[in-house]
């Protein structure tokens, strides 16, 4: 199974090189080569998926942040003030309107 953040594993019997006493050389079975190629292909696919997922998250964050802007007030504007802890659930939540005397930031 492919899971982001986890190294893919293959059975050792398919990856470990086999020694052939008759030939005197080290050879791999054809299955091991195919498994290794598939393993490399899956690792590359996972790398690309992570890269594209990160890019998509950045795009979504930038798209969301583009439309978010704070309330900008100027001197002389009218505004309401939020009451943090109203005395009753049906009591007023806002006080005002108040005129802004000076802007701090």
Protein backbone atom coordinates (compact mmCIF):
# COMPACT_ATOMS: atom_id res chain seq x y z
CA UNK A 1 0.00 0.00 0.00
CA UNK A 2 1.24 3.51 -0.76
CA UNK A 3 1.11 5.93 2.15
CA UNK A 4 2.63 9.41 2.05
CA UNK A 5 5.60 9.74 4.36
CA UNK A 6 6.39 6.03 4.48
CA UNK A 7 9.17 4.21 2.63
CA UNK A 8 7.91 1.50 0.34
CA UNK A 9 9.17 -1.99 1.15
CA UNK A 10 9.60 -5.07 -0.98
CA UNK A 11 10.23 -8.69 0.04
CA UNK A 12 13.94 -9.30 0.63
CA UNK A 13 13.95 -12.57 -1.31
CA UNK A 14 13.16 -10.64 -4.50
CA UNK A 15 15.78 -7.93 -4.02
CA UNK A 16 18.80 -9.78 -2.53
CA UNK A 17 21.32 -10.86 -5.10
CA UNK A 18 21.78 -14.60 -5.60
CA UNK A 19 25.16 -16.26 -6.01
CA UNK A 20 25.42 -18.93 -8.66
CA UNK A 21 28.31 -21.35 -7.86
CA UNK A 22 28.40 -22.75 -11.42
CA UNK A 23 28.75 -19.37 -13.09
CA UNK A 24 30.96 -17.77 -10.46
CA UNK A 25 29.08 -14.51 -10.84
CA UNK A 26 26.40 -12.71 -8.94
CA UNK A 27 23.09 -12.51 -10.76
CA UNK A 28 19.57 -11.45 -9.96
CA UNK A 29 16.47 -13.31 -11.00
CA UNK A 30 14.31 -11.59 -13.63
CA UNK A 31 11.54 -11.17 -11.07
CA UNK A 32 13.82 -9.19 -8.76
CA UNK A 33 14.76 -6.80 -11.57
CA UNK A 34 11.09 -6.26 -12.40
CA UNK A 35 10.24 -5.70 -8.75
CA UNK A 36 13.11 -3.22 -8.38
CA UNK A 37 11.95 -1.32 -11.47
CA UNK A 38 8.37 -1.22 -10.18
CA UNK A 39 9.62 -0.10 -6.78
CA UNK A 40 11.58 2.77 -8.35
CA UNK A 41 8.58 3.72 -10.48
CA UNK A 42 6.28 3.81 -7.45
CA UNK A 43 8.81 5.89 -5.48
CA UNK A 44 8.93 8.40 -8.36
CA UNK A 45 5.12 8.53 -8.51
CA UNK A 46 4.92 9.16 -4.75
CA UNK A 47 7.54 11.92 -5.03
CA UNK A 48 5.56 13.62 -7.80
CA UNK A 49 2.30 13.23 -5.87
CA UNK A 50 3.85 14.90 -2.80
CA UNK A 51 5.19 17.73 -4.95
CA UNK A 52 1.82 18.32 -6.62
CA UNK A 53 -0.07 18.04 -3.33
CA UNK A 54 2.17 20.69 -1.76
CA UNK A 55 1.65 22.94 -4.78
CA UNK A 56 -2.13 22.43 -4.63
CA UNK A 57 -2.23 23.27 -0.91
CA UNK A 58 -0.21 26.44 -1.56
CA UNK A 59 -2.57 27.41 -4.40
CA UNK A 60 -5.64 26.82 -2.21
CA UNK A 61 -4.11 28.85 0.62
CA UNK A 62 -3.24 31.74 -1.70
CA UNK A 63 -6.70 31.66 -3.30
CA UNK A 64 -8.40 31.75 0.10
CA UNK A 65 -6.10 34.48 1.46
CA UNK A 66 -6.60 36.64 -1.61
CA UNK A 67 -10.25 37.25 -0.72
CA UNK A 68 -9.72 37.68 3.01
CA UNK A 69 -9.14 41.23 4.11
CA UNK A 70 -9.68 42.86 7.43
CA UNK A 71 -12.08 45.67 8.17
CA UNK A 72 -10.19 48.86 7.41
CA UNK A 73 -11.50 51.91 9.21
CA UNK A 74 -10.65 55.54 8.69
CA UNK A 75 -10.96 58.48 11.02
CA UNK A 76 -14.55 59.73 11.09
CA UNK A 77 -16.15 56.38 10.14
CA UNK A 78 -18.92 54.88 12.21
CA UNK A 79 -18.63 51.40 13.73
CA UNK A 80 -20.27 49.06 16.23
CA UNK A 81 -18.44 47.51 19.20
CA UNK A 82 -18.92 43.82 20.02
CA UNK A 83 -19.94 42.98 23.59
CA UNK A 84 -17.78 40.01 24.63
CA UNK A 85 -19.95 38.54 27.43
CA UNK A 86 -23.58 39.59 27.14
CA UNK A 87 -25.64 39.29 30.30
CA UNK A 88 -28.38 37.20 28.67
CA UNK A 89 -28.58 35.15 25.48
CA UNK A 90 -31.19 37.50 24.03
CA UNK A 91 -29.40 40.71 25.04
CA UNK A 92 -27.71 43.01 22.52
CA UNK A 93 -24.40 41.81 21.09
CA UNK A 94 -23.29 45.16 19.71
CA UNK A 95 -23.02 48.71 21.08
CA UNK A 96 -22.96 51.77 18.96
CA UNK A 97 -22.70 53.32 16.49
CA UNK A 98 -19.51 55.11 17.53
CA UNK A 99 -17.44 57.54 15.53
CA UNK A 100 -13.74 56.66 15.13
CA UNK A 101 -11.59 59.46 16.57
CA UNK A 102 -8.13 58.20 15.53
CA UNK A 103 -6.66 55.16 13.78
CA UNK A 104 -3.79 53.37 15.59
CA UNK A 105 -2.41 51.03 12.88
